[in-house]
Amino acid sequence: MKMLLTVEFPLEPFNSLVINGKIGAVIGSILETIKPEMTYFTEQDGKRGALLVVNVNQPSDVPFYAEPFFLKLNGACKFRILMSPEDLQNAGLDAIDKQWS
């Protein structure tokens, strides 16, 4: 299932990796390993952050995506389920409405 992986990076060790010219290699290695469908870097609550779309087939896949950010960058990770318009159409909302109305 497609999930939005939101990562928030604390100032350290990110700042030190930038100063030492190593952040590109660290981020590149993580992205090459987890192969997200899409990646965007952004600000989150005044801190550096990233938004990635990943495909999680089973719950045990979550550490594969999160641990590199935890271990290399002290990142905080959050996962949110993503639905396409087709997924929403297949959700059976009409039947749910009838059951709960």
PDB file of N, CA and C in Angstrom:
ATOM      1  N   MET A   1       0.839  -1.155   0.000  1.00  0.00           N
ATOM      2  CA  MET A   1       0.000   0.000   0.000  1.00  0.00           C
ATOM      3  C   MET A   1       0.897   1.234   0.000  1.00  0.00           C
ATOM      4  N   LYS A   2       0.459   2.247  -0.727  1.00  0.00           N
ATOM      5  CA  LYS A   2       1.244   3.477  -0.781  1.00  0.00           C
ATOM      6  C   LYS A   2       1.083   4.236   0.527  1.00  0.00           C
ATOM      7  N   MET A   3       2.222   4.721   1.019  1.00  0.00           N
ATOM      8  CA  MET A   3       2.207   5.502   2.253  1.00  0.00           C
ATOM      9  C   MET A   3       3.053   6.753   2.063  1.00  0.00           C
ATOM     10  N   LEU A   4       2.638   7.800   2.757  1.00  0.00           N
ATOM     11  CA  LEU A   4       3.427   9.020   2.803  1.00  0.00           C
ATOM     12  C   LEU A   4       4.323   8.925   4.029  1.00  0.00           C
ATOM     13  N   LEU A   5       5.610   8.915   3.798  1.00  0.00           N
ATOM     14  CA  LEU A   5       6.598   8.909   4.872  1.00  0.00           C
ATOM     15  C   LEU A   5       7.054  10.348   5.064  1.00  0.00           C
ATOM     16  N   THR A   6       6.749  10.886   6.229  1.00  0.00           N
ATOM     17  CA  THR A   6       7.167  12.243   6.569  1.00  0.00           C
ATOM     18  C   THR A   6       8.344  12.128   7.525  1.00  0.00           C
ATOM     19  N   VAL A   7       9.444  12.799   7.178  1.00  0.00           N
ATOM     20  CA  VAL A   7      10.638  12.736   8.023  1.00  0.00           C
ATOM     21  C   VAL A   7      10.993  14.153   8.467  1.00  0.00           C
ATOM     22  N   GLU A   8      11.239  14.305   9.745  1.00  0.00           N
ATOM     23  CA  GLU A   8      11.710  15.572  10.296  1.00  0.00           C
ATOM     24  C   GLU A   8      13.128  15.363  10.810  1.00  0.00           C
ATOM     25  N   PHE A   9      14.039  16.242  10.385  1.00  0.00           N
ATOM     26  CA  PHE A   9      15.448  16.116  10.754  1.00  0.00           C
ATOM     27  C   PHE A   9      15.802  17.126  11.847  1.00  0.00           C
ATOM     28  N   PRO A  10      16.368  16.669  12.966  1.00  0.00           N
ATOM     29  CA  PRO A  10      16.852  17.624  13.966  1.00  0.00           C
ATOM     30  C   PRO A  10      18.112  18.318  13.436  1.00  0.00           C
ATOM     31  N   LEU A  11      18.504  19.390  14.087  1.00  0.00           N
ATOM     32  CA  LEU A  11      19.672  20.139  13.620  1.00  0.00           C
ATOM     33  C   LEU A  11      20.937  19.286  13.583  1.00  0.00           C
ATOM     34  N   GLU A  12      21.084  18.434  14.569  1.00  0.00           N
ATOM     35  CA  GLU A  12      22.242  17.533  14.587  1.00  0.00           C
ATOM     36  C   GLU A  12      21.753  16.100  14.478  1.00  0.00           C
ATOM     37  N   PRO A  13      22.420  15.313  13.665  1.00  0.00           N
ATOM     38  CA  PRO A  13      23.719  15.514  13.048  1.00  0.00           C
ATOM     39  C   PRO A  13      23.673  16.197  11.678  1.00  0.00           C
ATOM     40  N   PHE A  14      22.496  16.647  11.221  1.00  0.00           N
ATOM     41  CA  PHE A  14      22.366  17.197   9.874  1.00  0.00           C
ATOM     42  C   PHE A  14      23.340  18.352   9.637  1.00  0.00           C
ATOM     43  N   ASN A  15      23.382  19.326  10.579  1.00  0.00           N
ATOM     44  CA  ASN A  15      24.279  20.468  10.391  1.00  0.00           C
ATOM     45  C   ASN A  15      25.728  20.030  10.218  1.00  0.00           C
ATOM     46  N   SER A  16      26.180  19.121  11.069  1.00  0.00           N
ATOM     47  CA  SER A  16      27.572  18.663  10.980  1.00  0.00           C
ATOM     48  C   SER A  16      27.850  17.964   9.657  1.00  0.00           C
ATOM     49  N   LEU A  17      26.884  17.186   9.183  1.00  0.00           N
ATOM     50  CA  LEU A  17      27.067  16.512   7.895  1.00  0.00           C
ATOM     51  C   LEU A  17      27.120  17.511   6.748  1.00  0.00           C
ATOM     52  N   VAL A  18      26.334  18.585   6.825  1.00  0.00           N
ATOM     53  CA  VAL A  18      26.397  19.638   5.805  1.00  0.00           C
ATOM     54  C   VAL A  18      27.766  20.309   5.847  1.00  0.00           C
ATOM     55  N   ILE A  19      28.196  20.698   7.037  1.00  0.00           N
ATOM     56  CA  ILE A  19      29.478  21.395   7.195  1.00  0.00           C
ATOM     57  C   ILE A  19      30.637  20.535   6.704  1.00  0.00           C
ATOM     58  N   ASN A  20      30.560  19.232   6.941  1.00  0.00           N
ATOM     59  CA  ASN A  20      31.634  18.324   6.532  1.00  0.00           C
ATOM     60  C   ASN A  20      31.488  17.815   5.104  1.00  0.00           C
ATOM     61  N   GLY A  21      30.479  18.286   4.395  1.00  0.00           N
ATOM     62  CA  GLY A  21      30.290  17.892   3.002  1.00  0.00           C
ATOM     63  C   GLY A  21      29.839  16.453   2.819  1.00  0.00           C
ATOM     64  N   LYS A  22      29.190  15.863   3.832  1.00  0.00           N
ATOM     65  CA  LYS A  22      28.803  14.458   3.755  1.00  0.00           C
ATOM     66  C   LYS A  22      27.300  14.230   3.613  1.00  0.00           C
ATOM     67  N   ILE A  23      26.485  15.279   3.725  1.00  0.00           N
ATOM     68  CA  ILE A  23      25.042  15.074   3.740  1.00  0.00           C
ATOM     69  C   ILE A  23      24.536  14.509   2.413  1.00  0.00           C
ATOM     70  N   GLY A  24      25.107  14.940   1.309  1.00  0.00           N
ATOM     71  CA  GLY A  24      24.676  14.433  -0.003  1.00  0.00           C
ATOM     72  C   GLY A  24      24.863  12.927  -0.112  1.00  0.00           C
ATOM     73  N   ALA A  25      25.992  12.435   0.355  1.00  0.00           N
ATOM     74  CA  ALA A  25      26.260  10.996   0.304  1.00  0.00           C
ATOM     75  C   ALA A  25      25.311  10.221   1.216  1.00  0.00           C
ATOM     76  N   VAL A  26      25.034  10.752   2.402  1.00  0.00           N
ATOM     77  CA  VAL A  26      24.146  10.065   3.343  1.00  0.00           C
ATOM     78  C   VAL A  26      22.730  10.005   2.778  1.00  0.00           C
ATOM     79  N   ILE A  27      22.205  11.151   2.352  1.00  0.00           N
ATOM     80  CA  ILE A  27      20.851  11.185   1.779  1.00  0.00           C
ATOM     81  C   ILE A  27      20.793  10.319   0.522  1.00  0.00           C
ATOM     82  N   GLY A  28      21.793  10.426  -0.331  1.00  0.00           N
ATOM     83  CA  GLY A  28      21.832   9.627  -1.559  1.00  0.00           C
ATOM     84  C   GLY A  28      21.813   8.139  -1.281  1.00  0.00           C
ATOM     85  N   SER A  29      22.567   7.713  -0.293  1.00  0.00           N
ATOM     86  CA  SER A  29      22.618   6.297   0.068  1.00  0.00           C
ATOM     87  C   SER A  29      21.262   5.801   0.577  1.00  0.00           C
ATOM     88  N   ILE A  30      20.618   6.610   1.412  1.00  0.00           N
ATOM     89  CA  ILE A  30      19.302   6.227   1.926  1.00  0.00           C
ATOM     90  C   ILE A  30      18.304   6.108   0.786  1.00  0.00           C
ATOM     91  N   LEU A  31      18.244   7.110  -0.087  1.00  0.00           N
ATOM     92  CA  LEU A  31      17.275   7.101  -1.181  1.00  0.00           C
ATOM     93  C   LEU A  31      17.548   5.962  -2.159  1.00  0.00           C
ATOM     94  N   GLU A  32      18.816   5.677  -2.399  1.00  0.00           N
ATOM     95  CA  GLU A  32      19.168   4.571  -3.296  1.00  0.00           C
ATOM     96  C   GLU A  32      18.724   3.230  -2.707  1.00  0.00           C
ATOM     97  N   THR A  33      18.771   3.126  -1.397  1.00  0.00           N
ATOM     98  CA  THR A  33      18.381   1.884  -0.730  1.00  0.00           C
ATOM     99  C   THR A  33      16.866   1.710  -0.675  1.00  0.00           C
ATOM    100  N   ILE A  34      16.139   2.746  -0.245  1.00  0.00           N
ATOM    101  CA  ILE A  34      14.691   2.582  -0.043  1.00  0.00           C
ATOM    102  C   ILE A  34      13.876   2.831  -1.313  1.00  0.00           C
ATOM    103  N   LYS A  35      14.454   3.476  -2.303  1.00  0.00           N
ATOM    104  CA  LYS A  35      13.826   3.701  -3.611  1.00  0.00           C
ATOM    105  C   LYS A  35      12.380   4.206  -3.517  1.00  0.00           C
ATOM    106  N   PRO A  36      12.184   5.403  -2.940  1.00  0.00           N
ATOM    107  CA  PRO A  36      10.827   5.940  -2.874  1.00  0.00           C
ATOM    108  C   PRO A  36      10.311   6.287  -4.271  1.00  0.00           C
ATOM    109  N   GLU A  37       8.974   6.258  -4.426  1.00  0.00           N
ATOM    110  CA  GLU A  37       8.381   6.637  -5.706  1.00  0.00           C
ATOM    111  C   GLU A  37       8.557   8.130  -5.965  1.00  0.00           C
ATOM    112  N   MET A  38       8.450   8.920  -4.923  1.00  0.00           N
ATOM    113  CA  MET A  38       8.646  10.367  -5.021  1.00  0.00           C
ATOM    114  C   MET A  38       9.304  10.857  -3.747  1.00  0.00           C
ATOM    115  N   THR A  39      10.104  11.909  -3.870  1.00  0.00           N
ATOM    116  CA  THR A  39      10.763  12.507  -2.719  1.00  0.00           C
ATOM    117  C   THR A  39      10.762  14.015  -2.881  1.00  0.00           C
ATOM    118  N   TYR A  40      10.383  14.700  -1.823  1.00  0.00           N
ATOM    119  CA  TYR A  40      10.458  16.153  -1.782  1.00  0.00           C
ATOM    120  C   TYR A  40      11.069  16.557  -0.448  1.00  0.00           C
ATOM    121  N   PHE A  41      11.933  17.551  -0.485  1.00  0.00           N
ATOM    122  CA  PHE A  41      12.515  18.092   0.738  1.00  0.00           C
ATOM    123  C   PHE A  41      11.835  19.423   1.015  1.00  0.00           C
ATOM    124  N   THR A  42      11.543  19.663   2.295  1.00  0.00           N
ATOM    125  CA  THR A  42      10.752  20.824   2.663  1.00  0.00           C
ATOM    126  C   THR A  42      11.058  21.234   4.094  1.00  0.00           C
ATOM    127  N   GLU A  43      10.418  22.274   4.521  1.00  0.00           N
ATOM    128  CA  GLU A  43      10.476  22.730   5.910  1.00  0.00           C
ATOM    129  C   GLU A  43       9.276  22.141   6.641  1.00  0.00           C
ATOM    130  N   GLN A  44       9.487  21.708   7.879  1.00  0.00           N
ATOM    131  CA  GLN A  44       8.398  21.204   8.718  1.00  0.00           C
ATOM    132  C   GLN A  44       8.557  21.777  10.115  1.00  0.00           C
ATOM    133  N   ASP A  45       7.626  22.619  10.510  1.00  0.00           N
ATOM    134  CA  ASP A  45       7.670  23.230  11.840  1.00  0.00           C
ATOM    135  C   ASP A  45       9.015  23.895  12.120  1.00  0.00           C
ATOM    136  N   GLY A  46       9.548  24.568  11.122  1.00  0.00           N
ATOM    137  CA  GLY A  46      10.808  25.281  11.289  1.00  0.00           C
ATOM    138  C   GLY A  46      12.050  24.421  11.221  1.00  0.00           C
ATOM    139  N   LYS A  47      11.894  23.149  10.869  1.00  0.00           N
ATOM    140  CA  LYS A  47      13.035  22.245  10.764  1.00  0.00           C
ATOM    141  C   LYS A  47      13.120  21.689   9.349  1.00  0.00           C
ATOM    142  N   ARG A  48      14.243  21.111   9.020  1.00  0.00           N
ATOM    143  CA  ARG A  48      14.378  20.430   7.732  1.00  0.00           C
ATOM    144  C   ARG A  48      13.485  19.206   7.717  1.00  0.00           C
ATOM    145  N   GLY A  49      12.946  18.891   6.546  1.00  0.00           N
ATOM    146  CA  GLY A  49      12.096  17.727   6.454  1.00  0.00           C
ATOM    147  C   GLY A  49      12.061  17.149   5.060  1.00  0.00           C
ATOM    148  N   ALA A  50      11.419  16.003   4.948  1.00  0.00           N
ATOM    149  CA  ALA A  50      11.260  15.329   3.659  1.00  0.00           C
ATOM    150  C   ALA A  50       9.900  14.649   3.628  1.00  0.00           C
ATOM    151  N   LEU A  51       9.334  14.581   2.429  1.00  0.00           N
ATOM    152  CA  LEU A  51       8.101  13.856   2.161  1.00  0.00           C
ATOM    153  C   LEU A  51       8.422  12.820   1.105  1.00  0.00           C
ATOM    154  N   LEU A  52       8.141  11.562   1.400  1.00  0.00           N
ATOM    155  CA  LEU A  52       8.444  10.480   0.469  1.00  0.00           C
ATOM    156  C   LEU A  52       7.217   9.599   0.299  1.00  0.00           C
ATOM    157  N   VAL A  53       6.976   9.137  -0.911  1.00  0.00           N
ATOM    158  CA  VAL A  53       5.931   8.165  -1.165  1.00  0.00           C
ATOM    159  C   VAL A  53       6.621   6.812  -1.294  1.00  0.00           C
ATOM    160  N   VAL A  54       6.217   5.874  -0.421  1.00  0.00           N
ATOM    161  CA  VAL A  54       6.818   4.538  -0.412  1.00  0.00           C
ATOM    162  C   VAL A  54       5.713   3.495  -0.495  1.00  0.00           C
ATOM    163  N   ASN A  55       6.056   2.305  -0.938  1.00  0.00           N
ATOM    164  CA  ASN A  55       5.099   1.217  -1.039  1.00  0.00           C
ATOM    165  C   ASN A  55       5.382   0.217   0.080  1.00  0.00           C
ATOM    166  N   VAL A  56       4.476   0.167   1.057  1.00  0.00           N
ATOM    167  CA  VAL A  56       4.620  -0.734   2.198  1.00  0.00           C
ATOM    168  C   VAL A  56       3.710  -1.934   1.955  1.00  0.00           C
ATOM    169  N   ASN A  57       4.298  -3.084   1.717  1.00  0.00           N
ATOM    170  CA  ASN A  57       3.514  -4.289   1.439  1.00  0.00           C
ATOM    171  C   ASN A  57       2.975  -4.945   2.696  1.00  0.00           C
ATOM    172  N   GLN A  58       3.713  -4.828   3.796  1.00  0.00           N
ATOM    173  CA  GLN A  58       3.297  -5.427   5.065  1.00  0.00           C
ATOM    174  C   GLN A  58       3.909  -4.609   6.189  1.00  0.00           C
ATOM    175  N   PRO A  59       3.330  -4.681   7.387  1.00  0.00           N
ATOM    176  CA  PRO A  59       3.833  -3.857   8.491  1.00  0.00           C
ATOM    177  C   PRO A  59       5.325  -4.040   8.763  1.00  0.00           C
ATOM    178  N   SER A  60       5.838  -5.228   8.537  1.00  0.00           N
ATOM    179  CA  SER A  60       7.261  -5.462   8.813  1.00  0.00           C
ATOM    180  C   SER A  60       8.177  -4.720   7.838  1.00  0.00           C
ATOM    181  N   ASP A  61       7.614  -4.091   6.795  1.00  0.00           N
ATOM    182  CA  ASP A  61       8.408  -3.271   5.873  1.00  0.00           C
ATOM    183  C   ASP A  61       8.755  -1.907   6.464  1.00  0.00           C
ATOM    184  N   VAL A  62       7.996  -1.456   7.465  1.00  0.00           N
ATOM    185  CA  VAL A  62       8.180  -0.112   7.998  1.00  0.00           C
ATOM    186  C   VAL A  62       9.612   0.151   8.460  1.00  0.00           C
ATOM    187  N   PRO A  63      10.257  -0.740   9.220  1.00  0.00           N
ATOM    188  CA  PRO A  63      11.637  -0.461   9.621  1.00  0.00           C
ATOM    189  C   PRO A  63      12.596  -0.276   8.446  1.00  0.00           C
ATOM    190  N   PHE A  64      12.362  -0.986   7.357  1.00  0.00           N
ATOM    191  CA  PHE A  64      13.224  -0.828   6.175  1.00  0.00           C
ATOM    192  C   PHE A  64      13.262   0.631   5.727  1.00  0.00           C
ATOM    193  N   TYR A  65      12.119   1.298   5.789  1.00  0.00           N
ATOM    194  CA  TYR A  65      12.043   2.694   5.352  1.00  0.00           C
ATOM    195  C   TYR A  65      12.460   3.678   6.442  1.00  0.00           C
ATOM    196  N   ALA A  66      12.143   3.385   7.681  1.00  0.00           N
ATOM    197  CA  ALA A  66      12.387   4.338   8.766  1.00  0.00           C
ATOM    198  C   ALA A  66      13.790   4.270   9.360  1.00  0.00           C
ATOM    199  N   GLU A  67      14.317   3.073   9.550  1.00  0.00           N
ATOM    200  CA  GLU A  67      15.593   2.929  10.268  1.00  0.00           C
ATOM    201  C   GLU A  67      16.753   3.724   9.674  1.00  0.00           C
ATOM    202  N   PRO A  68      16.897   3.799   8.345  1.00  0.00           N
ATOM    203  CA  PRO A  68      18.014   4.609   7.841  1.00  0.00           C
ATOM    204  C   PRO A  68      17.949   6.066   8.320  1.00  0.00           C
ATOM    205  N   PHE A  69      16.736   6.627   8.385  1.00  0.00           N
ATOM    206  CA  PHE A  69      16.590   8.003   8.851  1.00  0.00           C
ATOM    207  C   PHE A  69      16.827   8.103  10.354  1.00  0.00           C
ATOM    208  N   PHE A  70      16.378   7.090  11.117  1.00  0.00           N
ATOM    209  CA  PHE A  70      16.638   7.075  12.560  1.00  0.00           C
ATOM    210  C   PHE A  70      18.134   6.977  12.834  1.00  0.00           C
ATOM    211  N   LEU A  71      18.785   6.004  12.203  1.00  0.00           N
ATOM    212  CA  LEU A  71      20.171   5.681  12.536  1.00  0.00           C
ATOM    213  C   LEU A  71      21.180   6.684  11.996  1.00  0.00           C
ATOM    214  N   LYS A  72      20.969   7.190  10.795  1.00  0.00           N
ATOM    215  CA  LYS A  72      21.957   8.082  10.176  1.00  0.00           C
ATOM    216  C   LYS A  72      21.720   9.556  10.467  1.00  0.00           C
ATOM    217  N   LEU A  73      20.428   9.946  10.705  1.00  0.00           N
ATOM    218  CA  LEU A  73      20.123  11.371  10.819  1.00  0.00           C
ATOM    219  C   LEU A  73      19.296  11.730  12.058  1.00  0.00           C
ATOM    220  N   ASN A  74      19.073  10.769  12.953  1.00  0.00           N
ATOM    221  CA  ASN A  74      18.226  11.011  14.127  1.00  0.00           C
ATOM    222  C   ASN A  74      16.859  11.556  13.730  1.00  0.00           C
ATOM    223  N   GLY A  75      16.378  11.147  12.571  1.00  0.00           N
ATOM    224  CA  GLY A  75      15.107  11.641  12.050  1.00  0.00           C
ATOM    225  C   GLY A  75      13.915  11.080  12.797  1.00  0.00           C
ATOM    226  N   ALA A  76      12.814  11.821  12.750  1.00  0.00           N
ATOM    227  CA  ALA A  76      11.527  11.368  13.279  1.00  0.00           C
ATOM    228  C   ALA A  76      10.648  11.036  12.081  1.00  0.00           C
ATOM    229  N   CYS A  77      10.089   9.830  12.045  1.00  0.00           N
ATOM    230  CA  CYS A  77       9.318   9.357  10.890  1.00  0.00           C
ATOM    231  C   CYS A  77       7.856   9.137  11.247  1.00  0.00           C
ATOM    232  N   LYS A  78       6.993   9.518  10.315  1.00  0.00           N
ATOM    233  CA  LYS A  78       5.557   9.266  10.436  1.00  0.00           C
ATOM    234  C   LYS A  78       5.086   8.668   9.120  1.00  0.00           C
ATOM    235  N   PHE A  79       4.177   7.703   9.211  1.00  0.00           N
ATOM    236  CA  PHE A  79       3.626   7.039   8.027  1.00  0.00           C
ATOM    237  C   PHE A  79       2.131   7.306   7.957  1.00  0.00           C
ATOM    238  N   ARG A  80       1.650   7.669   6.763  1.00  0.00           N
ATOM    239  CA  ARG A  80       0.220   7.880   6.529  1.00  0.00           C
ATOM    240  C   ARG A  80      -0.184   7.131   5.270  1.00  0.00           C
ATOM    241  N   ILE A  81      -1.329   6.450   5.339  1.00  0.00           N
ATOM    242  CA  ILE A  81      -1.844   5.715   4.181  1.00  0.00           C
ATOM    243  C   ILE A  81      -2.285   6.709   3.111  1.00  0.00           C
ATOM    244  N   LEU A  82      -1.982   6.389   1.857  1.00  0.00           N
ATOM    245  CA  LEU A  82      -2.407   7.200   0.719  1.00  0.00           C
ATOM    246  C   LEU A  82      -3.397   6.413  -0.123  1.00  0.00           C
ATOM    247  N   MET A  83      -4.462   7.075  -0.568  1.00  0.00           N
ATOM    248  CA  MET A  83      -5.424   6.447  -1.469  1.00  0.00           C
ATOM    249  C   MET A  83      -5.520   7.267  -2.746  1.00  0.00           C
ATOM    250  N   SER A  84      -5.524   6.569  -3.868  1.00  0.00           N
ATOM    251  CA  SER A  84      -5.772   7.216  -5.158  1.00  0.00           C
ATOM    252  C   SER A  84      -7.278   7.420  -5.299  1.00  0.00           C
ATOM    253  N   PRO A  85      -7.720   8.205  -6.281  1.00  0.00           N
ATOM    254  CA  PRO A  85      -9.158   8.320  -6.504  1.00  0.00           C
ATOM    255  C   PRO A  85      -9.814   6.954  -6.739  1.00  0.00           C
ATOM    256  N   GLU A  86      -9.124   6.058  -7.415  1.00  0.00           N
ATOM    257  CA  GLU A  86      -9.658   4.715  -7.661  1.00  0.00           C
ATOM    258  C   GLU A  86      -9.795   3.932  -6.351  1.00  0.00           C
ATOM    259  N   ASP A  87      -8.816   4.068  -5.466  1.00  0.00           N
ATOM    260  CA  ASP A  87      -8.900   3.407  -4.162  1.00  0.00           C
ATOM    261  C   ASP A  87     -10.125   3.892  -3.399  1.00  0.00           C
ATOM    262  N   LEU A  88     -10.364   5.188  -3.428  1.00  0.00           N
ATOM    263  CA  LEU A  88     -11.510   5.744  -2.724  1.00  0.00           C
ATOM    264  C   LEU A  88     -12.825   5.246  -3.324  1.00  0.00           C
ATOM    265  N   GLN A  89     -12.870   5.153  -4.658  1.00  0.00           N
ATOM    266  CA  GLN A  89     -14.075   4.635  -5.316  1.00  0.00           C
ATOM    267  C   GLN A  89     -14.337   3.182  -4.926  1.00  0.00           C
ATOM    268  N   ASN A  90     -13.292   2.413  -4.703  1.00  0.00           N
ATOM    269  CA  ASN A  90     -13.424   1.001  -4.342  1.00  0.00           C
ATOM    270  C   ASN A  90     -13.628   0.777  -2.842  1.00  0.00           C
ATOM    271  N   ALA A  91     -13.720   1.846  -2.077  1.00  0.00           N
ATOM    272  CA  ALA A  91     -13.819   1.727  -0.620  1.00  0.00           C
ATOM    273  C   ALA A  91     -15.206   1.320  -0.133  1.00  0.00           C
ATOM    274  N   GLY A  92     -16.191   1.341  -1.015  1.00  0.00           N
ATOM    275  CA  GLY A  92     -17.533   0.949  -0.613  1.00  0.00           C
ATOM    276  C   GLY A  92     -18.229   1.975   0.261  1.00  0.00           C
ATOM    277  N   LEU A  93     -18.006   3.253   0.017  1.00  0.00           N
ATOM    278  CA  LEU A  93     -18.588   4.298   0.852  1.00  0.00           C
ATOM    279  C   LEU A  93     -20.117   4.286   0.822  1.00  0.00           C
ATOM    280  N   ASP A  94     -20.713   3.920  -0.318  1.00  0.00           N
ATOM    281  CA  ASP A  94     -22.181   3.870  -0.389  1.00  0.00           C
ATOM    282  C   ASP A  94     -22.738   2.860   0.606  1.00  0.00           C
ATOM    283  N   ALA A  95     -22.143   1.680   0.677  1.00  0.00           N
ATOM    284  CA  ALA A  95     -22.608   0.650   1.611  1.00  0.00           C
ATOM    285  C   ALA A  95     -22.359   1.068   3.055  1.00  0.00           C
ATOM    286  N   ILE A  96     -21.241   1.709   3.299  1.00  0.00           N
ATOM    287  CA  ILE A  96     -20.931   2.183   4.647  1.00  0.00           C
ATOM    288  C   ILE A  96     -21.945   3.228   5.072  1.00  0.00           C
ATOM    289  N   ASP A  97     -22.303   4.126   4.140  1.00  0.00           N
ATOM    290  CA  ASP A  97     -23.290   5.155   4.444  1.00  0.00           C
ATOM    291  C   ASP A  97     -24.625   4.532   4.820  1.00  0.00           C
ATOM    292  N   LYS A  98     -25.047   3.534   4.070  1.00  0.00           N
ATOM    293  CA  LYS A  98     -26.333   2.882   4.353  1.00  0.00           C
ATOM    294  C   LYS A  98     -26.310   2.181   5.710  1.00  0.00           C
ATOM    295  N   GLN A  99     -25.178   1.591   6.039  1.00  0.00           N
ATOM    296  CA  GLN A  99     -25.072   0.882   7.312  1.00  0.00           C
ATOM    297  C   GLN A  99     -25.128   1.823   8.500  1.00  0.00           C
ATOM    298  N   TRP A 100     -24.551   2.988   8.372  1.00  0.00           N
ATOM    299  CA  TRP A 100     -24.392   3.893   9.514  1.00  0.00           C
ATOM    300  C   TRP A 100     -25.320   5.105   9.497  1.00  0.00           C
ATOM    301  N   SER A 101     -26.201   5.205   8.528  1.00  0.00           N
ATOM    302  CA  SER A 101     -27.122   6.347   8.478  1.00  0.00           C
ATOM    303  C   SER A 101     -28.352   6.103   9.318  1.00  0.00           C
TER     304      SER A 101
END
